[in-house]
Amino acid sequence: PLPVHPSVARSNGGPWWSDPSSPPRARVHSWTAEAAPAPDGTRTYAASVRRKGHPHLRAAVSFRPGSYPAVPPVWSLRNEDGSTGGGVGTGGGGIDSLAADAGPLAPPLVDASLRSIEARVNTDHAGLVDGDDEGSFDWILLHQLGAVVSCWDAAVSSEEGGGGTWT
């Protein structure tokens, strides 16, 4: 599992995305810079999250280091089959996400599980930090990544009939 800021680990029985009795089977396989920073300083990184026997998840995150953590990072998720959470940066809902020759067997353009995970990590910032410990705010990127991994792992478990919960 990914590290958690000590004050977040202690508050309310631990972080909402982590269940010590059932550690995720998914792991971060790689973390890379996508490209040079944008003109406004925005950096984008991509994590490849893998779980044995399953297609991998690509989790892209964008943030401006000069504004972090006051302006939290924004995550965009994409399954290996091309389906997305439909969020910022994925092309979800845009004309570029429509494949003219996709055919009737194409994967769905938007995956409901990914959409829910994106929404949670991109909006539930209070659940990712300890409001009484300003130092925990510097950990929001790592906590978001931990939440993405755990929630995706639970969604995959749920699809397998394993009963994982993540919402």
C-alpha atoms as a PDB file:
ATOM      1  CA  PRO A   1       0.000   0.000   0.000  1.00  0.00           C
ATOM      2  CA  LEU A   2       0.983   3.601  -0.549  1.00  0.00           C
ATOM      3  CA  PRO A   3       1.985   5.671   2.495  1.00  0.00           C
ATOM      4  CA  VAL A   4      -0.559   7.870   4.247  1.00  0.00           C
ATOM      5  CA  HIS A   5       0.145  11.032   6.239  1.00  0.00           C
ATOM      6  CA  PRO A   6       0.256  10.058   9.940  1.00  0.00           C
ATOM      7  CA  SER A   7      -2.543  12.423  11.025  1.00  0.00           C
ATOM      8  CA  VAL A   8      -4.862  11.133   8.253  1.00  0.00           C
ATOM      9  CA  ALA A   9      -4.024   7.540   9.222  1.00  0.00           C
ATOM     10  CA  ARG A  10      -5.040   8.281  12.822  1.00  0.00           C
ATOM     11  CA  SER A  11      -8.204  10.295  12.157  1.00  0.00           C
ATOM     12  CA  ASN A  12     -11.605   8.586  11.980  1.00  0.00           C
ATOM     13  CA  GLY A  13     -10.131   5.101  11.921  1.00  0.00           C
ATOM     14  CA  GLY A  14      -7.915   5.791   8.923  1.00  0.00           C
ATOM     15  CA  PRO A  15      -8.437   6.999   5.379  1.00  0.00           C
ATOM     16  CA  TRP A  16     -11.760   6.170   3.687  1.00  0.00           C
ATOM     17  CA  TRP A  17      -9.990   4.572   0.730  1.00  0.00           C
ATOM     18  CA  SER A  18      -7.919   2.112   2.726  1.00  0.00           C
ATOM     19  CA  ASP A  19      -9.146  -1.044   4.412  1.00  0.00           C
ATOM     20  CA  PRO A  20      -6.308  -2.662   6.404  1.00  0.00           C
ATOM     21  CA  SER A  21      -8.239  -5.944   6.587  1.00  0.00           C
ATOM     22  CA  SER A  22      -8.334  -6.158   2.792  1.00  0.00           C
ATOM     23  CA  PRO A  23      -5.281  -4.573   1.174  1.00  0.00           C
ATOM     24  CA  PRO A  24      -5.678  -3.901  -2.558  1.00  0.00           C
ATOM     25  CA  ARG A  25      -4.298  -6.426  -5.009  1.00  0.00           C
ATOM     26  CA  ALA A  26      -3.758  -3.654  -7.552  1.00  0.00           C
ATOM     27  CA  ARG A  27      -0.376  -1.921  -7.551  1.00  0.00           C
ATOM     28  CA  VAL A  28       1.201   1.118  -9.150  1.00  0.00           C
ATOM     29  CA  HIS A  29       3.356  -0.362 -11.886  1.00  0.00           C
ATOM     30  CA  SER A  30       4.884   2.856 -13.230  1.00  0.00           C
ATOM     31  CA  TRP A  31       4.870   6.638 -12.734  1.00  0.00           C
ATOM     32  CA  THR A  32       6.134   8.859 -15.541  1.00  0.00           C
ATOM     33  CA  ALA A  33       6.094  12.496 -16.613  1.00  0.00           C
ATOM     34  CA  GLU A  34       3.884  12.823 -19.678  1.00  0.00           C
ATOM     35  CA  ALA A  35       5.681  15.749 -21.318  1.00  0.00           C
ATOM     36  CA  ALA A  36       7.350  19.051 -20.638  1.00  0.00           C
ATOM     37  CA  PRO A  37       5.317  21.438 -18.491  1.00  0.00           C
ATOM     38  CA  ALA A  38       2.586  23.410 -20.270  1.00  0.00           C
ATOM     39  CA  PRO A  39       3.165  27.157 -20.755  1.00  0.00           C
ATOM     40  CA  ASP A  40       1.159  27.865 -17.574  1.00  0.00           C
ATOM     41  CA  GLY A  41       3.404  25.469 -15.611  1.00  0.00           C
ATOM     42  CA  THR A  42       0.917  22.598 -15.474  1.00  0.00           C
ATOM     43  CA  ARG A  43       2.619  19.230 -15.149  1.00  0.00           C
ATOM     44  CA  THR A  44       1.010  15.953 -16.165  1.00  0.00           C
ATOM     45  CA  TYR A  45       2.075  12.539 -14.912  1.00  0.00           C
ATOM     46  CA  ALA A  46       0.726   9.091 -15.697  1.00  0.00           C
ATOM     47  CA  ALA A  47       0.519   6.096 -13.428  1.00  0.00           C
ATOM     48  CA  SER A  48      -0.029   2.605 -14.728  1.00  0.00           C
ATOM     49  CA  VAL A  49      -2.021   0.593 -12.201  1.00  0.00           C
ATOM     50  CA  ARG A  50      -2.070  -3.166 -12.602  1.00  0.00           C
ATOM     51  CA  ARG A  51      -3.760  -6.126 -11.042  1.00  0.00           C
ATOM     52  CA  LYS A  52      -2.740  -9.635 -11.991  1.00  0.00           C
ATOM     53  CA  GLY A  53      -5.017 -11.091 -14.633  1.00  0.00           C
ATOM     54  CA  HIS A  54      -6.688  -7.791 -15.525  1.00  0.00           C
ATOM     55  CA  PRO A  55      -6.121  -5.061 -18.092  1.00  0.00           C
ATOM     56  CA  HIS A  56      -4.270  -2.134 -16.621  1.00  0.00           C
ATOM     57  CA  LEU A  57      -5.621   1.259 -15.639  1.00  0.00           C
ATOM     58  CA  ARG A  58      -3.984   4.475 -16.827  1.00  0.00           C
ATOM     59  CA  ALA A  59      -4.363   7.273 -14.307  1.00  0.00           C
ATOM     60  CA  ALA A  60      -3.230  10.704 -15.490  1.00  0.00           C
ATOM     61  CA  VAL A  61      -2.906  13.610 -13.090  1.00  0.00           C
ATOM     62  CA  SER A  62      -2.386  17.292 -13.862  1.00  0.00           C
ATOM     63  CA  PHE A  63      -1.446  20.053 -11.461  1.00  0.00           C
ATOM     64  CA  ARG A  64       0.508  23.297 -11.253  1.00  0.00           C
ATOM     65  CA  PRO A  65       3.366  22.941  -8.764  1.00  0.00           C
ATOM     66  CA  GLY A  66       3.204  26.661  -7.915  1.00  0.00           C
ATOM     67  CA  SER A  67      -0.442  26.303  -6.886  1.00  0.00           C
ATOM     68  CA  TYR A  68      -0.198  22.906  -5.192  1.00  0.00           C
ATOM     69  CA  PRO A  69      -1.699  22.003  -2.727  1.00  0.00           C
ATOM     70  CA  ALA A  70      -4.044  25.035  -2.645  1.00  0.00           C
ATOM     71  CA  VAL A  71      -5.337  23.951  -6.065  1.00  0.00           C
ATOM     72  CA  PRO A  72      -5.572  20.142  -5.869  1.00  0.00           C
ATOM     73  CA  PRO A  73      -4.514  17.879  -8.732  1.00  0.00           C
ATOM     74  CA  VAL A  74      -7.101  16.685 -11.263  1.00  0.00           C
ATOM     75  CA  TRP A  75      -7.207  12.996 -12.211  1.00  0.00           C
ATOM     76  CA  SER A  76      -8.370  11.375 -15.459  1.00  0.00           C
ATOM     77  CA  LEU A  77      -8.753   7.600 -15.699  1.00  0.00           C
ATOM     78  CA  ARG A  78      -8.690   5.297 -18.715  1.00  0.00           C
ATOM     79  CA  ASN A  79      -9.032   1.522 -18.888  1.00  0.00           C
ATOM     80  CA  GLU A  80      -6.817  -0.422 -21.249  1.00  0.00           C
ATOM     81  CA  ASP A  81      -9.863  -0.994 -23.490  1.00  0.00           C
ATOM     82  CA  GLY A  82     -10.092   2.762 -24.040  1.00  0.00           C
ATOM     83  CA  SER A  83     -13.108   3.457 -21.845  1.00  0.00           C
ATOM     84  CA  THR A  84     -12.729   6.486 -19.605  1.00  0.00           C
ATOM     85  CA  GLY A  85     -14.257   8.168 -16.620  1.00  0.00           C
ATOM     86  CA  GLY A  86     -15.284  10.985 -18.941  1.00  0.00           C
ATOM     87  CA  GLY A  87     -13.425  13.591 -16.900  1.00  0.00           C
ATOM     88  CA  VAL A  88     -11.096  16.437 -17.741  1.00  0.00           C
ATOM     89  CA  GLY A  89      -8.193  15.395 -19.920  1.00  0.00           C
ATOM     90  CA  THR A  90      -9.583  12.064 -21.087  1.00  0.00           C
ATOM     91  CA  GLY A  91     -11.434  13.252 -24.149  1.00  0.00           C
ATOM     92  CA  GLY A  92     -14.606  11.884 -22.583  1.00  0.00           C
ATOM     93  CA  GLY A  93     -17.643  13.424 -24.144  1.00  0.00           C
ATOM     94  CA  GLY A  94     -15.586  15.254 -26.744  1.00  0.00           C
ATOM     95  CA  ILE A  95     -15.569  14.598 -30.442  1.00  0.00           C
ATOM     96  CA  ASP A  96     -12.062  13.115 -30.194  1.00  0.00           C
ATOM     97  CA  SER A  97     -13.418  10.299 -28.001  1.00  0.00           C
ATOM     98  CA  LEU A  98     -15.732   9.061 -30.724  1.00  0.00           C
ATOM     99  CA  ALA A  99     -14.245   6.419 -32.955  1.00  0.00           C
ATOM    100  CA  ALA A 100     -15.910   6.492 -36.358  1.00  0.00           C
ATOM    101  CA  ASP A 101     -15.026   2.852 -37.052  1.00  0.00           C
ATOM    102  CA  ALA A 102     -15.605   1.543 -33.519  1.00  0.00           C
ATOM    103  CA  GLY A 103     -18.340  -0.845 -34.587  1.00  0.00           C
ATOM    104  CA  PRO A 104     -20.936  -2.581 -32.418  1.00  0.00           C
ATOM    105  CA  LEU A 105     -18.384  -4.450 -30.273  1.00  0.00           C
ATOM    106  CA  ALA A 106     -16.504  -1.332 -29.172  1.00  0.00           C
ATOM    107  CA  PRO A 107     -16.087  -0.808 -25.425  1.00  0.00           C
ATOM    108  CA  PRO A 108     -18.251   1.824 -23.799  1.00  0.00           C
ATOM    109  CA  LEU A 109     -16.825   5.311 -24.155  1.00  0.00           C
ATOM    110  CA  VAL A 110     -17.473   6.102 -20.509  1.00  0.00           C
ATOM    111  CA  ASP A 111     -17.071   3.558 -17.715  1.00  0.00           C
ATOM    112  CA  ALA A 112     -19.411   4.285 -14.780  1.00  0.00           C
ATOM    113  CA  SER A 113     -16.941   2.962 -12.196  1.00  0.00           C
ATOM    114  CA  LEU A 114     -14.145   5.163 -13.506  1.00  0.00           C
ATOM    115  CA  ARG A 115     -16.492   8.160 -13.595  1.00  0.00           C
ATOM    116  CA  SER A 116     -17.383   7.606  -9.925  1.00  0.00           C
ATOM    117  CA  ILE A 117     -13.750   7.178  -8.894  1.00  0.00           C
ATOM    118  CA  GLU A 118     -12.734  10.347 -10.760  1.00  0.00           C
ATOM    119  CA  ALA A 119     -15.550  12.301  -9.172  1.00  0.00           C
ATOM    120  CA  ARG A 120     -14.591  11.138  -5.697  1.00  0.00           C
ATOM    121  CA  VAL A 121     -10.853  11.844  -5.901  1.00  0.00           C
ATOM    122  CA  ASN A 122     -11.344  15.137  -7.750  1.00  0.00           C
ATOM    123  CA  THR A 123     -13.957  16.540  -5.355  1.00  0.00           C
ATOM    124  CA  ASP A 124     -13.737  14.862  -1.918  1.00  0.00           C
ATOM    125  CA  HIS A 125     -10.631  16.738  -0.837  1.00  0.00           C
ATOM    126  CA  ALA A 126     -11.714  17.002   2.795  1.00  0.00           C
ATOM    127  CA  GLY A 127     -11.622  13.203   3.031  1.00  0.00           C
ATOM    128  CA  LEU A 128      -8.046  13.163   1.746  1.00  0.00           C
ATOM    129  CA  VAL A 129      -6.511  15.466   4.368  1.00  0.00           C
ATOM    130  CA  ASP A 130      -6.703  16.207   8.071  1.00  0.00           C
ATOM    131  CA  GLY A 131      -8.113  19.743   8.349  1.00  0.00           C
ATOM    132  CA  ASP A 132      -6.378  20.163  11.716  1.00  0.00           C
ATOM    133  CA  ASP A 133      -2.933  19.312  10.325  1.00  0.00           C
ATOM    134  CA  GLU A 134      -1.809  21.637   7.538  1.00  0.00           C
ATOM    135  CA  GLY A 135       1.110  19.310   6.758  1.00  0.00           C
ATOM    136  CA  SER A 136      -1.320  16.673   5.490  1.00  0.00           C
ATOM    137  CA  PHE A 137      -2.322  18.976   2.609  1.00  0.00           C
ATOM    138  CA  ASP A 138       1.072  18.388   0.988  1.00  0.00           C
ATOM    139  CA  TRP A 139       0.123  14.714   0.739  1.00  0.00           C
ATOM    140  CA  ILE A 140      -3.073  15.159  -1.273  1.00  0.00           C
ATOM    141  CA  LEU A 141      -1.500  13.898  -4.533  1.00  0.00           C
ATOM    142  CA  LEU A 142      -0.290  10.685  -2.890  1.00  0.00           C
ATOM    143  CA  HIS A 143      -3.603  10.237  -1.068  1.00  0.00           C
ATOM    144  CA  GLN A 144      -5.509  10.703  -4.334  1.00  0.00           C
ATOM    145  CA  LEU A 145      -3.304   8.063  -5.989  1.00  0.00           C
ATOM    146  CA  GLY A 146      -3.946   5.689  -3.087  1.00  0.00           C
ATOM    147  CA  ALA A 147      -7.675   6.283  -3.442  1.00  0.00           C
ATOM    148  CA  VAL A 148      -7.564   5.653  -7.208  1.00  0.00           C
ATOM    149  CA  VAL A 149      -5.712   2.354  -6.715  1.00  0.00           C
ATOM    150  CA  SER A 150      -7.949   1.144  -3.872  1.00  0.00           C
ATOM    151  CA  CYS A 151     -11.223   2.197  -5.495  1.00  0.00           C
ATOM    152  CA  TRP A 152     -10.322   0.684  -8.872  1.00  0.00           C
ATOM    153  CA  ASP A 153      -9.232  -2.522  -7.139  1.00  0.00           C
ATOM    154  CA  ALA A 154     -12.559  -2.678  -5.265  1.00  0.00           C
ATOM    155  CA  ALA A 155     -14.487  -2.011  -8.488  1.00  0.00           C
ATOM    156  CA  VAL A 156     -12.643  -4.874 -10.222  1.00  0.00           C
ATOM    157  CA  SER A 157     -13.314  -7.133  -7.207  1.00  0.00           C
ATOM    158  CA  SER A 158     -16.983  -6.178  -7.315  1.00  0.00           C
ATOM    159  CA  GLU A 159     -17.189  -7.045 -11.015  1.00  0.00           C
ATOM    160  CA  GLU A 160     -15.655 -10.427 -10.202  1.00  0.00           C
ATOM    161  CA  GLY A 161     -18.272 -11.004  -7.514  1.00  0.00           C
ATOM    162  CA  GLY A 162     -15.791 -10.340  -4.742  1.00  0.00           C
ATOM    163  CA  GLY A 163     -18.036  -7.789  -3.116  1.00  0.00           C
ATOM    164  CA  GLY A 164     -15.542  -4.923  -2.968  1.00  0.00           C
ATOM    165  CA  THR A 165     -17.029  -1.559  -2.045  1.00  0.00           C
ATOM    166  CA  TRP A 166     -15.545   1.798  -2.802  1.00  0.00           C
ATOM    167  CA  THR A 167     -18.225   4.477  -2.913  1.00  0.00           C
END
